[in-house]
C-alpha atoms as a PDB file:
ATOM      1  CA  MET A   1      15.281  28.646  -3.926  1.00  0.00           C
ATOM      2  CA  ILE A   2      14.520  25.947  -6.502  1.00  0.00           C
ATOM      3  CA  GLU A   3      17.181  23.315  -7.068  1.00  0.00           C
ATOM      4  CA  LEU A   4      17.227  21.549 -10.430  1.00  0.00           C
ATOM      5  CA  LYS A   5      18.392  17.962 -10.089  1.00  0.00           C
ATOM      6  CA  SER A   6      20.794  16.119 -12.356  1.00  0.00           C
ATOM      7  CA  ALA A   7      19.783  12.890 -14.092  1.00  0.00           C
ATOM      8  CA  GLU A   8      21.848  11.006 -11.500  1.00  0.00           C
ATOM      9  CA  GLU A   9      20.094  12.753  -8.625  1.00  0.00           C
ATOM     10  CA  ILE A  10      16.675  12.030 -10.140  1.00  0.00           C
ATOM     11  CA  GLY A  11      17.740   8.410 -10.355  1.00  0.00           C
ATOM     12  CA  ARG A  12      18.501   8.439  -6.646  1.00  0.00           C
ATOM     13  CA  MET A  13      15.088   9.957  -5.943  1.00  0.00           C
ATOM     14  CA  ALA A  14      13.596   7.160  -8.034  1.00  0.00           C
ATOM     15  CA  VAL A  15      15.054   4.614  -5.600  1.00  0.00           C
ATOM     16  CA  ALA A  16      13.079   6.216  -2.790  1.00  0.00           C
ATOM     17  CA  GLY A  17      10.094   6.541  -5.107  1.00  0.00           C
ATOM     18  CA  GLN A  18      10.066   2.858  -5.964  1.00  0.00           C
ATOM     19  CA  PHE A  19      10.020   1.953  -2.279  1.00  0.00           C
ATOM     20  CA  VAL A  20       7.215   4.416  -1.569  1.00  0.00           C
ATOM     21  CA  GLY A  21       5.146   3.071  -4.461  1.00  0.00           C
ATOM     22  CA  GLU A  22       5.654  -0.531  -3.444  1.00  0.00           C
ATOM     23  CA  LEU A  23       4.829   0.119   0.205  1.00  0.00           C
ATOM     24  CA  LEU A  24       1.704   2.122  -0.637  1.00  0.00           C
ATOM     25  CA  ALA A  25       0.468  -0.739  -2.803  1.00  0.00           C
ATOM     26  CA  GLU A  26       1.151  -3.117   0.076  1.00  0.00           C
ATOM     27  CA  LEU A  27      -0.635  -0.908   2.602  1.00  0.00           C
ATOM     28  CA  SER A  28      -3.690  -0.580   0.377  1.00  0.00           C
ATOM     29  CA  GLY A  29      -3.955  -4.362   0.604  1.00  0.00           C
ATOM     30  CA  VAL A  30      -3.551  -4.324   4.389  1.00  0.00           C
ATOM     31  CA  ALA A  31      -6.463  -1.898   4.764  1.00  0.00           C
ATOM     32  CA  ALA A  32      -9.543  -4.079   5.296  1.00  0.00           C
ATOM     33  CA  VAL A  33     -12.696  -4.238   7.368  1.00  0.00           C
ATOM     34  CA  GLY A  34     -11.730  -4.879  10.999  1.00  0.00           C
ATOM     35  CA  VAL A  35      -8.163  -3.559  10.687  1.00  0.00           C
ATOM     36  CA  ASN A  36      -7.103  -0.847  13.130  1.00  0.00           C
ATOM     37  CA  LEU A  37      -5.422   2.249  11.707  1.00  0.00           C
ATOM     38  CA  MET A  38      -2.581   1.744  14.185  1.00  0.00           C
ATOM     39  CA  ASP A  39      -1.938  -1.710  12.686  1.00  0.00           C
ATOM     40  CA  ILE A  40      -1.400  -0.041   9.299  1.00  0.00           C
ATOM     41  CA  GLU A  41       0.874   2.563  10.887  1.00  0.00           C
ATOM     42  CA  HIS A  42       3.001  -0.062  12.647  1.00  0.00           C
ATOM     43  CA  HIS A  43       3.175  -2.173   9.486  1.00  0.00           C
ATOM     44  CA  ALA A  44       4.633   0.837   7.668  1.00  0.00           C
ATOM     45  CA  ARG A  45       7.069   1.544  10.498  1.00  0.00           C
ATOM     46  CA  ARG A  46       8.421  -2.008  10.238  1.00  0.00           C
ATOM     47  CA  ARG A  47       8.837  -1.840   6.478  1.00  0.00           C
ATOM     48  CA  ILE A  48      10.571   1.542   6.613  1.00  0.00           C
ATOM     49  CA  ALA A  49      12.970   0.328   9.295  1.00  0.00           C
ATOM     50  CA  GLU A  50      13.718  -2.877   7.373  1.00  0.00           C
ATOM     51  CA  ARG A  51      14.580  -0.842   4.278  1.00  0.00           C
ATOM     52  CA  GLY A  52      16.844   1.510   6.214  1.00  0.00           C
ATOM     53  CA  ALA A  53      14.726   4.449   5.047  1.00  0.00           C
ATOM     54  CA  GLU A  54      13.732   7.495   7.089  1.00  0.00           C
ATOM     55  CA  SER A  55      10.202   8.803   7.453  1.00  0.00           C
ATOM     56  CA  CYS A  56       9.799  12.442   6.475  1.00  0.00           C
ATOM     57  CA  TYR A  57       6.765  12.695   8.752  1.00  0.00           C
ATOM     58  CA  TRP A  58       8.336  11.671  12.040  1.00  0.00           C
ATOM     59  CA  ASP A  59       9.028  14.812  14.078  1.00  0.00           C
ATOM     60  CA  TYR A  60       7.659  17.017  11.262  1.00  0.00           C
ATOM     61  CA  ALA A  61       6.564  20.296  12.864  1.00  0.00           C
ATOM     62  CA  PRO A  62       5.233  22.912  10.404  1.00  0.00           C
ATOM     63  CA  SER A  63       3.608  26.135  11.531  1.00  0.00           C
ATOM     64  CA  PHE A  64       0.062  24.853  10.972  1.00  0.00           C
ATOM     65  CA  GLY A  65       0.369  21.584  12.913  1.00  0.00           C
ATOM     66  CA  ARG A  66       0.234  20.893  16.627  1.00  0.00           C
ATOM     67  CA  GLY A  67       3.450  18.946  16.468  1.00  0.00           C
ATOM     68  CA  PRO A  68       5.707  17.293  16.269  1.00  0.00           C
ATOM     69  CA  PHE A  69       4.054  14.625  14.130  1.00  0.00           C
ATOM     70  CA  ARG A  70       4.974  11.237  15.623  1.00  0.00           C
ATOM     71  CA  ASN A  71       3.851   8.830  12.908  1.00  0.00           C
ATOM     72  CA  VAL A  72       5.136   7.655   9.516  1.00  0.00           C
ATOM     73  CA  LEU A  73       1.776   7.787   7.731  1.00  0.00           C
ATOM     74  CA  CYS A  74      -1.091  10.181   7.304  1.00  0.00           C
ATOM     75  CA  LEU A  75      -4.262   8.075   7.507  1.00  0.00           C
ATOM     76  CA  SER A  76      -7.388  10.069   6.697  1.00  0.00           C
ATOM     77  CA  VAL A  77     -10.829   8.446   6.890  1.00  0.00           C
ATOM     78  CA  ASN A  78     -14.035   9.512   5.137  1.00  0.00           C
ATOM     79  CA  ASP A  79     -14.407  13.302   5.572  1.00  0.00           C
ATOM     80  CA  ALA A  80     -10.723  13.616   6.553  1.00  0.00           C
ATOM     81  CA  VAL A  81      -8.560  14.314   3.518  1.00  0.00           C
ATOM     82  CA  LEU A  82      -5.089  15.480   4.618  1.00  0.00           C
ATOM     83  CA  HIS A  83      -2.706  14.960   7.541  1.00  0.00           C
ATOM     84  CA  GLY A  84      -4.929  12.469   9.344  1.00  0.00           C
ATOM     85  CA  LEU A  85      -3.302  11.252  12.549  1.00  0.00           C
ATOM     86  CA  PRO A  86      -3.204   7.456  12.883  1.00  0.00           C
ATOM     87  CA  HIS A  87      -5.288   6.576  15.929  1.00  0.00           C
ATOM     88  CA  ASP A  88      -7.284   3.785  17.538  1.00  0.00           C
ATOM     89  CA  TYR A  89      -9.968   3.343  14.889  1.00  0.00           C
ATOM     90  CA  VAL A  90     -11.145   0.054  13.386  1.00  0.00           C
ATOM     91  CA  LEU A  91     -11.996   0.284   9.686  1.00  0.00           C
ATOM     92  CA  ARG A  92     -15.615  -0.385   8.775  1.00  0.00           C
ATOM     93  CA  ASP A  93     -17.260  -1.604   5.604  1.00  0.00           C
ATOM     94  CA  GLY A  94     -17.523   1.291   3.162  1.00  0.00           C
ATOM     95  CA  ASP A  95     -14.908   3.548   4.774  1.00  0.00           C
ATOM     96  CA  LEU A  96     -12.894   5.715   2.390  1.00  0.00           C
ATOM     97  CA  LEU A  97      -9.242   5.738   3.483  1.00  0.00           C
ATOM     98  CA  SER A  98      -6.494   8.023   2.168  1.00  0.00           C
ATOM     99  CA  ILE A  99      -2.905   6.910   2.826  1.00  0.00           C
ATOM    100  CA  ASP A 100      -0.086   9.436   2.414  1.00  0.00           C
ATOM    101  CA  MET A 101       3.623   8.800   3.017  1.00  0.00           C
ATOM    102  CA  ALA A 102       7.035  10.280   2.295  1.00  0.00           C
ATOM    103  CA  VAL A 103      10.426   8.726   2.987  1.00  0.00           C
ATOM    104  CA  GLY A 104      14.044   9.508   2.372  1.00  0.00           C
ATOM    105  CA  ILE A 105      16.692   7.014   1.254  1.00  0.00           C
ATOM    106  CA  ASP A 106      20.351   8.067   1.146  1.00  0.00           C
ATOM    107  CA  GLY A 107      19.382  11.722   1.374  1.00  0.00           C
ATOM    108  CA  TRP A 108      16.715  11.803  -1.358  1.00  0.00           C
ATOM    109  CA  VAL A 109      12.970  11.944  -0.790  1.00  0.00           C
ATOM    110  CA  ALA A 110       9.784  10.744  -2.495  1.00  0.00           C
ATOM    111  CA  ASP A 111       6.145  11.400  -1.540  1.00  0.00           C
ATOM    112  CA  SER A 112       2.920   9.743  -2.701  1.00  0.00           C
ATOM    113  CA  ALA A 113      -0.687   9.152  -1.675  1.00  0.00           C
ATOM    114  CA  LEU A 114      -3.712   7.118  -2.669  1.00  0.00           C
ATOM    115  CA  SER A 115      -7.311   6.652  -1.600  1.00  0.00           C
ATOM    116  CA  VAL A 116      -9.064   3.297  -1.323  1.00  0.00           C
ATOM    117  CA  ILE A 117     -12.488   2.054  -0.320  1.00  0.00           C
ATOM    118  CA  VAL A 118     -12.563  -0.545   2.433  1.00  0.00           C
ATOM    119  CA  GLY A 119     -14.990  -3.348   1.718  1.00  0.00           C
ATOM    120  CA  THR A 120     -18.136  -2.412  -0.190  1.00  0.00           C
ATOM    121  CA  GLY A 121     -17.784   0.696  -2.312  1.00  0.00           C
ATOM    122  CA  ASP A 122     -20.292   3.485  -2.764  1.00  0.00           C
ATOM    123  CA  PRO A 123     -20.398   4.578  -6.447  1.00  0.00           C
ATOM    124  CA  ALA A 124     -20.193   8.221  -5.354  1.00  0.00           C
ATOM    125  CA  ASP A 125     -16.980   7.472  -3.453  1.00  0.00           C
ATOM    126  CA  GLU A 126     -15.576   5.515  -6.392  1.00  0.00           C
ATOM    127  CA  LYS A 127     -16.256   8.486  -8.654  1.00  0.00           C
ATOM    128  CA  LEU A 128     -14.579  10.857  -6.182  1.00  0.00           C
ATOM    129  CA  ILE A 129     -11.428   8.725  -6.007  1.00  0.00           C
ATOM    130  CA  GLU A 130     -11.410   8.357  -9.764  1.00  0.00           C
ATOM    131  CA  ALA A 131     -11.594  12.127 -10.185  1.00  0.00           C
ATOM    132  CA  THR A 132      -8.422  12.600  -8.125  1.00  0.00           C
ATOM    133  CA  GLU A 133      -6.639   9.880 -10.098  1.00  0.00           C
ATOM    134  CA  VAL A 134      -7.677  11.308 -13.458  1.00  0.00           C
ATOM    135  CA  ALA A 135      -6.691  14.801 -12.288  1.00  0.00           C
ATOM    136  CA  LEU A 136      -3.304  13.464 -11.180  1.00  0.00           C
ATOM    137  CA  GLU A 137      -2.599  11.796 -14.513  1.00  0.00           C
ATOM    138  CA  THR A 138      -3.805  14.874 -16.400  1.00  0.00           C
ATOM    139  CA  GLY A 139      -1.605  17.111 -14.255  1.00  0.00           C
ATOM    140  CA  ILE A 140       1.377  14.840 -14.867  1.00  0.00           C
ATOM    141  CA  ALA A 141       0.744  14.922 -18.621  1.00  0.00           C
ATOM    142  CA  ALA A 142       0.810  18.733 -18.458  1.00  0.00           C
ATOM    143  CA  ALA A 143       4.221  18.741 -16.725  1.00  0.00           C
ATOM    144  CA  GLN A 144       6.185  19.203 -19.933  1.00  0.00           C
ATOM    145  CA  PRO A 145       9.618  20.839 -20.224  1.00  0.00           C
ATOM    146  CA  GLY A 146       9.232  24.389 -21.482  1.00  0.00           C
ATOM    147  CA  GLY A 147       5.687  24.616 -20.141  1.00  0.00           C
ATOM    148  CA  ARG A 148       4.519  26.547 -17.119  1.00  0.00           C
ATOM    149  CA  LEU A 149       3.524  25.536 -13.610  1.00  0.00           C
ATOM    150  CA  GLY A 150       0.066  26.946 -14.292  1.00  0.00           C
ATOM    151  CA  ASP A 151      -0.413  24.296 -16.990  1.00  0.00           C
ATOM    152  CA  ILE A 152      -0.383  21.621 -14.279  1.00  0.00           C
ATOM    153  CA  SER A 153      -2.680  23.578 -11.975  1.00  0.00           C
ATOM    154  CA  ALA A 154      -5.131  24.380 -14.768  1.00  0.00           C
ATOM    155  CA  ALA A 155      -5.267  20.747 -15.877  1.00  0.00           C
ATOM    156  CA  ILE A 156      -6.091  19.554 -12.360  1.00  0.00           C
ATOM    157  CA  GLY A 157      -8.743  22.219 -11.821  1.00  0.00           C
ATOM    158  CA  GLU A 158     -10.393  21.460 -15.155  1.00  0.00           C
ATOM    159  CA  VAL A 159     -10.772  17.786 -14.258  1.00  0.00           C
ATOM    160  CA  ALA A 160     -12.223  18.663 -10.854  1.00  0.00           C
ATOM    161  CA  ARG A 161     -14.833  20.925 -12.374  1.00  0.00           C
ATOM    162  CA  SER A 162     -15.693  18.377 -15.092  1.00  0.00           C
ATOM    163  CA  TYR A 163     -16.597  15.916 -12.334  1.00  0.00           C
ATOM    164  CA  GLY A 164     -18.614  18.549 -10.492  1.00  0.00           C
ATOM    165  CA  TYR A 165     -16.171  19.198  -7.638  1.00  0.00           C
ATOM    166  CA  GLY A 166     -14.788  22.435  -6.288  1.00  0.00           C
ATOM    167  CA  VAL A 167     -11.095  23.006  -5.604  1.00  0.00           C
ATOM    168  CA  ASN A 168      -9.547  24.224  -2.371  1.00  0.00           C
ATOM    169  CA  ALA A 169      -6.342  26.176  -3.040  1.00  0.00           C
ATOM    170  CA  GLU A 170      -5.031  26.303   0.548  1.00  0.00           C
ATOM    171  CA  PHE A 171      -3.078  23.039   0.264  1.00  0.00           C
ATOM    172  CA  GLY A 172      -1.598  21.502  -2.869  1.00  0.00           C
ATOM    173  CA  GLY A 173       1.533  19.984  -4.299  1.00  0.00           C
ATOM    174  CA  HIS A 174       5.095  21.123  -3.740  1.00  0.00           C
ATOM    175  CA  GLY A 175       8.702  20.873  -4.754  1.00  0.00           C
ATOM    176  CA  ILE A 176      10.573  17.887  -3.383  1.00  0.00           C
ATOM    177  CA  GLY A 177      14.091  16.483  -3.435  1.00  0.00           C
ATOM    178  CA  ARG A 178      16.504  16.651  -0.539  1.00  0.00           C
ATOM    179  CA  THR A 179      13.584  17.461   1.770  1.00  0.00           C
ATOM    180  CA  MET A 180       9.870  16.741   1.637  1.00  0.00           C
ATOM    181  CA  HIS A 181       8.677  20.300   1.084  1.00  0.00           C
ATOM    182  CA  GLU A 182      10.633  22.561  -1.240  1.00  0.00           C
ATOM    183  CA  ALA A 183       9.679  25.370  -3.615  1.00  0.00           C
ATOM    184  CA  PRO A 184       7.556  25.741  -5.678  1.00  0.00           C
ATOM    185  CA  HIS A 185       3.978  25.409  -4.456  1.00  0.00           C
ATOM    186  CA  VAL A 186       1.880  23.456  -6.982  1.00  0.00           C
ATOM    187  CA  ALA A 187      -1.717  24.663  -6.746  1.00  0.00           C
ATOM    188  CA  ASN A 188      -4.622  22.439  -7.743  1.00  0.00           C
ATOM    189  CA  THR A 189      -6.209  25.150  -9.844  1.00  0.00           C
ATOM    190  CA  GLY A 190      -4.747  27.972 -11.884  1.00  0.00           C
ATOM    191  CA  ARG A 191      -4.261  29.454 -15.348  1.00  0.00           C
ATOM    192  CA  ALA A 192      -2.413  27.707 -18.128  1.00  0.00           C
ATOM    193  CA  GLY A 193       0.612  29.523 -19.511  1.00  0.00           C
ATOM    194  CA  ARG A 194       1.294  31.301 -16.221  1.00  0.00           C
ATOM    195  CA  GLY A 195       3.840  30.804 -13.477  1.00  0.00           C
ATOM    196  CA  LEU A 196       7.237  29.181 -13.196  1.00  0.00           C
ATOM    197  CA  LYS A 197       8.778  27.753 -16.359  1.00  0.00           C
ATOM    198  CA  LEU A 198       9.187  23.981 -16.150  1.00  0.00           C
ATOM    199  CA  HIS A 199      12.870  23.222 -16.652  1.00  0.00           C
ATOM    200  CA  PRO A 200      14.358  19.722 -16.831  1.00  0.00           C
ATOM    201  CA  GLY A 201      15.575  18.770 -13.363  1.00  0.00           C
ATOM    202  CA  LEU A 202      12.585  20.228 -11.521  1.00  0.00           C
ATOM    203  CA  THR A 203      11.080  17.651  -9.153  1.00  0.00           C
ATOM    204  CA  ILE A 204       7.615  18.157  -7.727  1.00  0.00           C
ATOM    205  CA  ALA A 205       4.866  16.323  -5.872  1.00  0.00           C
ATOM    206  CA  ILE A 206       1.552  16.716  -7.684  1.00  0.00           C
ATOM    207  CA  GLU A 207      -1.392  16.007  -5.379  1.00  0.00           C
ATOM    208  CA  PRO A 208      -5.014  16.706  -6.282  1.00  0.00           C
ATOM    209  CA  TRP A 209      -7.509  16.252  -3.464  1.00  0.00           C
ATOM    210  CA  PHE A 210     -11.225  16.924  -3.600  1.00  0.00           C
ATOM    211  CA  CYS A 211     -14.242  16.995  -1.300  1.00  0.00           C
ATOM    212  CA  ARG A 212     -17.541  15.678  -2.594  1.00  0.00           C
ATOM    213  CA  SER A 213     -19.717  18.737  -1.952  1.00  0.00           C
ATOM    214  CA  THR A 214     -17.560  21.649  -0.742  1.00  0.00           C
ATOM    215  CA  ASP A 215     -14.249  23.385  -1.302  1.00  0.00           C
ATOM    216  CA  LYS A 216     -14.000  24.484   2.325  1.00  0.00           C
ATOM    217  CA  ILE A 217     -12.032  22.716   5.052  1.00  0.00           C
ATOM    218  CA  ARG A 218     -11.738  22.636   8.834  1.00  0.00           C
ATOM    219  CA  PHE A 219      -9.058  21.417  11.242  1.00  0.00           C
ATOM    220  CA  ASP A 220      -9.594  18.884  14.009  1.00  0.00           C
ATOM    221  CA  SER A 221      -8.635  19.821  17.545  1.00  0.00           C
ATOM    222  CA  ASP A 222      -5.482  17.704  17.101  1.00  0.00           C
ATOM    223  CA  GLY A 223      -4.143  20.532  14.939  1.00  0.00           C
ATOM    224  CA  TRP A 224      -3.332  18.175  12.058  1.00  0.00           C
ATOM    225  CA  THR A 225      -6.312  16.385  10.566  1.00  0.00           C
ATOM    226  CA  ILE A 226      -7.992  18.381   7.797  1.00  0.00           C
ATOM    227  CA  ARG A 227     -11.640  17.584   7.002  1.00  0.00           C
ATOM    228  CA  SER A 228     -14.259  18.779   4.562  1.00  0.00           C
ATOM    229  CA  ALA A 229     -16.154  21.622   6.196  1.00  0.00           C
ATOM    230  CA  ASP A 230     -19.530  20.002   5.563  1.00  0.00           C
ATOM    231  CA  GLY A 231     -18.605  16.434   6.525  1.00  0.00           C
ATOM    232  CA  SER A 232     -18.732  15.122   2.971  1.00  0.00           C
ATOM    233  CA  ARG A 233     -16.361  12.398   1.779  1.00  0.00           C
ATOM    234  CA  THR A 234     -12.921  13.254   0.422  1.00  0.00           C
ATOM    235  CA  ALA A 235     -10.143  11.673  -1.664  1.00  0.00           C
ATOM    236  CA  HIS A 236      -6.459  12.331  -2.366  1.00  0.00           C
ATOM    237  CA  SER A 237      -3.957  11.093  -4.973  1.00  0.00           C
ATOM    238  CA  GLU A 238      -0.277  12.049  -5.298  1.00  0.00           C
ATOM    239  CA  HIS A 239       2.910  11.182  -7.176  1.00  0.00           C
ATOM    240  CA  THR A 240       6.440  12.528  -7.163  1.00  0.00           C
ATOM    241  CA  VAL A 241       7.350  13.636 -10.681  1.00  0.00           C
ATOM    242  CA  ALA A 242      10.575  14.769 -12.356  1.00  0.00           C
ATOM    243  CA  ILE A 243      10.630  17.044 -15.381  1.00  0.00           C
ATOM    244  CA  THR A 244      13.067  15.560 -17.908  1.00  0.00           C
ATOM    245  CA  PRO A 245      14.057  16.672 -21.422  1.00  0.00           C
ATOM    246  CA  SER A 246      11.733  14.010 -22.850  1.00  0.00           C
ATOM    247  CA  GLY A 247       8.782  14.764 -20.557  1.00  0.00           C
ATOM    248  CA  PRO A 248       7.511  13.968 -17.057  1.00  0.00           C
ATOM    249  CA  ARG A 249       8.908  10.939 -15.223  1.00  0.00           C
ATOM    250  CA  VAL A 250       6.797   9.525 -12.403  1.00  0.00           C
ATOM    251  CA  LEU A 251       9.107   8.342  -9.615  1.00  0.00           C
ATOM    252  CA  THR A 252       6.491   6.760  -7.335  1.00  0.00           C
ATOM    253  CA  ARG A 253       4.538   4.491  -9.672  1.00  0.00           C
ATOM    254  CA  ARG A 254       2.929   1.610  -7.821  1.00  0.00           C
ATOM    255  CA  PRO A 255       3.165  -1.974  -9.084  1.00  0.00           C
ATOM    256  CA  ALA A 256       0.031  -3.282 -10.747  1.00  0.00           C
ATOM    257  CA  PRO A 257      -1.577  -6.503  -9.469  1.00  0.00           C
ATOM    258  CA  ASP A 258       0.142  -8.448 -12.284  1.00  0.00           C
ATOM    259  CA  GLY A 259       3.533  -7.286 -10.989  1.00  0.00           C
ATOM    260  CA  SER A 260       4.203  -4.773 -13.765  1.00  0.00           C
ATOM    261  CA  SER A 261       5.678  -1.391 -12.894  1.00  0.00           C
ATOM    262  CA  ALA A 262       2.696   0.717 -13.948  1.00  0.00           C
ATOM    263  CA  ASP A 263      -0.340   1.588 -11.882  1.00  0.00           C
ATOM    264  CA  PRO A 264      -3.533  -0.184 -12.918  1.00  0.00           C
ATOM    265  CA  THR A 265      -5.486   2.209 -15.116  1.00  0.00           C
ATOM    266  CA  ARG A 266      -9.079   3.269 -14.659  1.00  0.00           C
ATOM    267  CA  LYS A 267     -11.660   4.044 -17.271  1.00  0.00           C
ATOM    268  CA  PRO A 268     -12.771   7.648 -16.756  1.00  0.00           C
ATOM    269  CA  ALA A 269     -16.316   7.863 -15.443  1.00  0.00           C
ATOM    270  CA  THR A 270     -18.832  10.081 -17.103  1.00  0.00           C
ATOM    271  CA  ALA A 271     -18.352  13.516 -15.609  1.00  0.00           C
ATOM    272  CA  ALA A 272     -21.238  15.026 -13.741  1.00  0.00           C
END
């Protein structure tokens, strides 16, 4: 069942979204050479507790995981792209780290993710991260009232292919609102003009993720961490978005370095 939210309810989701965006921006600054993943995890735990928020990840136990999940972040390094378990690992120069988090505040949830390079960046990694960010913004732009869910999926897939990346359709975005995972599934590739009609009040998490040289994945023995099948680097970007009568509203925008409410923008790289 898909629940359409009122403007007031979307506003309450935006409260959670603002916190998620601000904390993700903060965590991306904490991630540095020599920092242990568990330090980032515990930093997030403190901030969530101080805010009086609730992690959507803690005790999460889906059918595919070896749960319950007992962390508030997914921290995925290099060839890990989704559901990475925080563990005793010290970040090294050049690591590619994806940070994913979802919290609830007063019964309403927001979910977002970003990828960053720790220390010195490899241009190929920078391009990979950029591709997910461009795909995310393009998918958001396609989330127009009266459109179709396939418009979002097609937009994401087109960006991936323009950069020379394949798309894995096993995991993608999802509905969100009172809980972290609601209907509908939001695939990262599809056909425009097909699928669910996008009505005002629909709230979804849009989350493109790509691997550098494969569209296949494998699971770690922990039952959670998902990696590229060939060991190539990966990246992941995500925002929670509400469909409104005037267009898509991003609820998890991160503050820019100058303190403004918008994410810093990137210049698109030349596609491969």
